[in-house]
Amino acid sequence: MTRTADGPAGEAEHGRADRTADSASRHRRPEPVFERAIRVALGQARTVLHVRAGADAGAGAGAYEPRDRDLTAVEPPDEALPFADDSFDAASSAFALPVWPDLERGLAEVRRVTRGPVVLLTRDPARIEDHWLGDYAPDVLANEARRWPTLDRIGDALGGVVTTTPVPIPFTCVDGFSEAYYARPERLLDASARRADPAWASVDEMTAARSVAALRTAIEDGSWDARYGRLRVQPSYEGSLVLVVAQP
């Protein structure tokens, strides 16, 4: 018999949600390098509309809000925003686009109410599967690549002059999506670290277990270091992370 929130099934679901939220708070903290890139792209903007990522996107609620500005924070829009045209000097969002309910409509609304730059920290799906994790967890990265909108789709929705700039990921990155551990593969053996990344939730438990076992074996037998050990001393990694800046 299936039970909902008032019985065993509901309790199990709540337990998973609690564990995921706890993992996100421990492993998905704002990375100062990324915060700095966003601040620079915002320029002299004083009033900023920020579209939150939220736990569903794998980041802590409120992460990357530019708090040194006059800030207005909203959830990903699925209808008209309650602001007049050109209400804000700039807009920003980070790690959020996969959970926007209607990307084109949402970006059009953000563009409508913003007179200056729209700054988006996102991932280029064309590069996600280039990461070494694809050797051990190909289904995880394939599913992750499908979650993220292409850069062309983002640019078309925003219009104007759009630039995309790769954002290097530092060795000590504290925002724990998969590429953050490019030099620290052992971190992905930690179930809590994996729960903080929605990519791992996209596959069934058996597939995830096989992937973790393959990575564990590669670390223990030295084959990971034979192929990728140079990354352990590499100060940064240029992966799929990009900063999209759209000027009207």
Protein backbone atom coordinates (compact mmCIF):
# COMPACT_ATOMS: atom_id res chain seq x y z
CA MET A 1 0.00 0.00 0.00
CA THR A 2 1.32 3.45 -0.95
CA ARG A 3 1.16 6.12 1.73
CA THR A 4 1.79 9.82 1.29
CA ALA A 5 3.09 12.45 3.71
CA ASP A 6 1.21 10.96 6.67
CA GLY A 7 2.85 7.54 6.38
CA PRO A 8 6.08 5.68 5.61
CA ALA A 9 6.37 6.81 1.99
CA GLY A 10 5.85 10.44 2.95
CA GLU A 11 8.28 10.15 5.84
CA ALA A 12 10.92 8.66 3.55
CA GLU A 13 10.40 11.46 1.04
CA HIS A 14 10.72 14.09 3.74
CA GLY A 15 13.85 12.37 4.99
CA ARG A 16 15.44 12.51 1.53
CA ALA A 17 14.49 16.17 1.16
CA ASP A 18 15.98 16.98 4.56
CA ARG A 19 19.21 15.18 3.70
CA THR A 20 19.43 16.98 0.36
CA ALA A 21 18.88 20.38 1.98
CA ASP A 22 21.52 19.62 4.61
CA SER A 23 23.97 18.51 1.91
CA ALA A 24 23.36 21.68 -0.09
CA SER A 25 24.01 23.87 2.95
CA ARG A 26 27.29 22.04 3.59
CA HIS A 27 28.59 21.68 0.05
CA ARG A 28 26.98 24.45 -2.05
CA ARG A 29 28.32 27.68 -0.62
CA PRO A 30 28.84 30.80 -2.74
CA GLU A 31 32.30 30.73 -4.32
CA PRO A 32 34.06 34.12 -3.89
CA VAL A 33 35.63 33.89 -7.37
CA PHE A 34 32.19 33.58 -8.93
CA GLU A 35 30.74 36.35 -6.75
CA ARG A 36 33.54 38.65 -7.88
CA ALA A 37 32.88 37.88 -11.56
CA ILE A 38 29.21 38.77 -11.11
CA ARG A 39 30.03 42.02 -9.30
CA VAL A 40 32.42 43.09 -12.06
CA ALA A 41 29.84 42.34 -14.75
CA LEU A 42 27.20 44.38 -12.90
CA GLY A 43 29.46 47.41 -13.17
CA GLN A 44 28.12 50.52 -11.47
CA ALA A 45 24.54 49.28 -11.32
CA ARG A 46 22.84 50.38 -8.10
CA THR A 47 19.43 48.70 -8.32
CA VAL A 48 19.59 44.99 -9.16
CA LEU A 49 16.87 42.42 -9.77
CA HIS A 50 18.14 38.99 -8.71
CA VAL A 51 16.42 35.76 -9.72
CA ARG A 52 17.11 33.18 -7.02
CA ALA A 53 18.37 29.70 -7.71
CA GLY A 54 16.84 27.86 -4.75
CA ALA A 55 17.43 24.33 -3.54
CA ASP A 56 15.99 22.74 -6.69
CA ALA A 57 18.90 24.14 -8.68
CA GLY A 58 21.44 22.74 -6.24
CA ALA A 59 22.40 26.02 -4.62
CA GLY A 60 21.41 27.48 -1.29
CA ALA A 61 18.47 29.88 -1.36
CA GLY A 62 19.75 33.40 -1.87
CA ALA A 63 23.18 32.29 -3.09
CA TYR A 64 25.01 34.89 -5.20
CA GLU A 65 22.62 37.69 -4.38
CA PRO A 66 24.69 40.88 -4.87
CA ARG A 67 24.06 42.29 -1.40
CA ASP A 68 26.27 45.32 -1.95
CA ARG A 69 23.51 46.78 -4.17
CA ASP A 70 19.91 47.91 -3.77
CA LEU A 71 18.58 44.39 -4.24
CA THR A 72 15.18 43.01 -5.21
CA ALA A 73 15.05 39.19 -5.18
CA VAL A 74 12.39 37.15 -7.00
CA GLU A 75 11.69 33.51 -7.79
CA PRO A 76 12.15 32.30 -11.39
CA PRO A 77 9.35 34.07 -13.28
CA ASP A 78 6.59 32.18 -15.10
CA GLU A 79 4.42 35.22 -15.73
CA ALA A 80 4.74 38.99 -15.98
CA LEU A 81 6.96 40.49 -13.31
CA PRO A 82 5.21 43.15 -11.19
CA PHE A 83 7.58 45.93 -12.25
CA ALA A 84 7.46 48.66 -14.86
CA ASP A 85 9.72 48.64 -17.90
CA ASP A 86 13.34 49.59 -17.15
CA SER A 87 12.82 49.49 -13.37
CA PHE A 88 16.31 48.19 -12.55
CA ASP A 89 19.85 49.17 -13.46
CA ALA A 90 20.81 45.50 -13.89
CA ALA A 91 19.66 41.93 -13.26
CA SER A 92 21.46 38.77 -12.22
CA SER A 93 20.95 35.06 -11.65
CA ALA A 94 23.29 32.18 -10.89
CA PHE A 95 22.92 28.40 -11.34
CA ALA A 96 19.16 28.87 -11.78
CA LEU A 97 18.22 28.53 -15.44
CA PRO A 98 17.39 24.78 -15.37
CA VAL A 99 14.50 25.41 -12.96
CA TRP A 100 12.97 28.41 -14.73
CA PRO A 101 9.44 27.25 -15.67
CA ASP A 102 9.43 29.12 -19.01
CA LEU A 103 12.93 30.21 -19.99
CA GLU A 104 12.06 32.40 -22.95
CA ARG A 105 9.20 34.19 -21.22
CA GLY A 106 11.21 34.57 -18.03
CA LEU A 107 14.26 36.04 -19.76
CA ALA A 108 12.06 38.34 -21.81
CA GLU A 109 10.48 39.63 -18.61
CA VAL A 110 13.85 40.15 -16.95
CA ARG A 111 15.04 42.00 -20.04
CA ARG A 112 11.88 44.16 -20.07
CA VAL A 113 12.33 45.41 -16.52
CA THR A 114 16.11 45.91 -16.78
CA ARG A 115 17.64 48.93 -18.49
CA GLY A 116 21.24 47.76 -18.16
CA PRO A 117 23.09 44.44 -18.19
CA VAL A 118 21.50 41.07 -17.49
CA VAL A 119 24.20 38.90 -15.88
CA LEU A 120 23.75 35.12 -15.77
CA LEU A 121 26.13 32.59 -14.27
CA THR A 122 25.28 29.38 -16.11
CA ARG A 123 26.81 26.27 -17.67
CA ASP A 124 27.47 25.53 -21.32
CA PRO A 125 25.84 22.14 -21.96
CA ALA A 126 28.16 21.58 -24.92
CA ARG A 127 31.09 21.30 -22.48
CA ILE A 128 29.61 19.47 -19.51
CA GLU A 129 30.44 16.00 -20.82
CA ASP A 130 34.09 16.97 -21.42
CA HIS A 131 34.79 16.59 -17.70
CA TRP A 132 36.68 13.50 -16.53
CA LEU A 133 33.67 12.36 -14.53
CA GLY A 134 32.19 11.24 -17.84
CA ASP A 135 34.63 8.31 -17.78
CA TYR A 136 32.97 6.95 -14.65
CA ALA A 137 29.46 8.45 -14.60
CA PRO A 138 28.50 9.06 -18.24
CA ASP A 139 24.76 8.94 -17.56
CA VAL A 140 25.09 11.55 -14.82
CA LEU A 141 26.82 14.02 -17.11
CA ALA A 142 24.61 13.26 -20.10
CA ASN A 143 21.52 14.01 -18.04
CA GLU A 144 23.16 17.10 -16.59
CA ALA A 145 23.96 18.43 -20.06
CA ARG A 146 20.29 18.09 -21.01
CA ARG A 147 19.22 20.19 -18.01
CA TRP A 148 21.01 23.35 -19.09
CA PRO A 149 19.77 25.60 -21.91
CA THR A 150 22.20 26.24 -24.76
CA LEU A 151 24.01 29.55 -24.89
CA ASP A 152 22.35 30.31 -28.25
CA ARG A 153 18.91 29.80 -26.73
CA ILE A 154 19.75 32.15 -23.86
CA GLY A 155 21.16 34.77 -26.21
CA ASP A 156 18.16 34.62 -28.55
CA ALA A 157 15.76 35.06 -25.63
CA LEU A 158 17.63 38.08 -24.25
CA GLY A 159 18.41 39.85 -27.50
CA GLY A 160 20.71 42.85 -27.69
CA VAL A 161 24.48 42.42 -27.46
CA VAL A 162 25.34 39.18 -25.68
CA THR A 163 28.81 38.10 -24.59
CA THR A 164 29.81 34.79 -23.00
CA THR A 165 32.98 34.45 -20.94
CA PRO A 166 34.35 31.23 -19.41
CA VAL A 167 34.69 31.42 -15.62
CA PRO A 168 37.68 29.45 -14.29
CA ILE A 169 36.88 27.21 -11.34
CA PRO A 170 39.41 27.58 -8.50
CA PHE A 171 41.17 24.61 -6.89
CA THR A 172 39.47 25.32 -3.56
CA CYS A 173 35.98 25.94 -5.00
CA VAL A 174 33.37 25.78 -2.22
CA ASP A 175 30.34 25.58 -4.52
CA GLY A 176 30.22 21.83 -4.96
CA PHE A 177 28.86 21.02 -8.39
CA SER A 178 30.81 18.24 -10.09
CA GLU A 179 33.48 20.41 -11.74
CA ALA A 180 34.34 22.00 -8.40
CA TYR A 181 36.12 18.74 -7.56
CA TYR A 182 38.20 18.60 -10.74
CA ALA A 183 41.35 18.13 -8.61
CA ARG A 184 39.71 16.36 -5.66
CA PRO A 185 37.98 13.25 -7.00
CA GLU A 186 37.76 11.69 -3.54
CA ARG A 187 35.11 14.27 -2.63
CA LEU A 188 32.66 12.60 -5.02
CA LEU A 189 32.88 9.38 -3.00
CA ASP A 190 31.03 11.25 -0.24
CA ALA A 191 27.28 10.65 -0.56
CA SER A 192 26.56 14.01 1.06
CA ALA A 193 28.59 15.84 -1.58
CA ARG A 194 26.77 13.98 -4.35
CA ARG A 195 23.35 14.79 -2.86
CA ALA A 196 24.19 18.48 -3.09
CA ASP A 197 24.47 18.22 -6.89
CA PRO A 198 21.17 17.67 -8.78
CA ALA A 199 23.10 15.83 -11.50
CA TRP A 200 23.31 12.73 -9.32
CA ALA A 201 19.58 12.75 -8.64
CA SER A 202 18.95 12.35 -12.36
CA VAL A 203 19.97 8.67 -12.35
CA ASP A 204 18.62 5.68 -10.44
CA GLU A 205 20.39 4.36 -7.35
CA MET A 206 21.89 1.37 -9.17
CA THR A 207 23.43 3.56 -11.88
CA ALA A 208 24.79 5.96 -9.28
CA ALA A 209 26.26 3.08 -7.25
CA ARG A 210 28.02 1.64 -10.33
CA SER A 211 29.45 5.04 -11.16
CA VAL A 212 30.74 5.62 -7.64
CA ALA A 213 32.25 2.14 -7.56
CA ALA A 214 34.04 2.77 -10.86
CA LEU A 215 35.46 6.04 -9.57
CA ARG A 216 36.50 4.48 -6.26
CA THR A 217 38.33 1.69 -8.07
CA ALA A 218 40.12 4.18 -10.34
CA ILE A 219 41.30 6.20 -7.37
CA GLU A 220 42.41 3.18 -5.37
CA ASP A 221 44.25 1.43 -8.22
CA GLY A 222 45.94 4.65 -9.37
CA SER A 223 44.37 4.78 -12.83
CA TRP A 224 42.64 8.11 -12.10
CA ASP A 225 45.97 9.69 -11.17
CA ALA A 226 47.67 8.12 -14.17
CA ARG A 227 45.22 9.89 -16.46
CA TYR A 228 44.32 13.03 -14.53
CA GLY A 229 46.80 13.40 -11.70
CA ARG A 230 48.15 16.63 -13.22
CA LEU A 231 44.88 18.29 -12.15
CA ARG A 232 45.78 17.84 -8.48
CA VAL A 233 48.28 20.71 -8.79
CA GLN A 234 46.38 22.81 -11.34
CA PRO A 235 45.25 26.07 -9.69
CA SER A 236 42.07 26.42 -11.75
CA TYR A 237 40.00 24.58 -14.31
CA GLU A 238 38.15 25.98 -17.31
CA GLY A 239 35.10 23.79 -17.68
CA SER A 240 31.48 24.47 -18.56
CA LEU A 241 30.91 27.47 -16.29
CA VAL A 242 30.25 30.70 -18.20
CA LEU A 243 29.13 34.23 -17.48
CA VAL A 244 26.54 35.50 -19.95
CA VAL A 245 26.15 39.28 -20.08
CA ALA A 246 23.42 40.81 -22.23
CA GLN A 247 23.35 44.51 -22.91
CA PRO A 248 20.15 46.05 -24.36
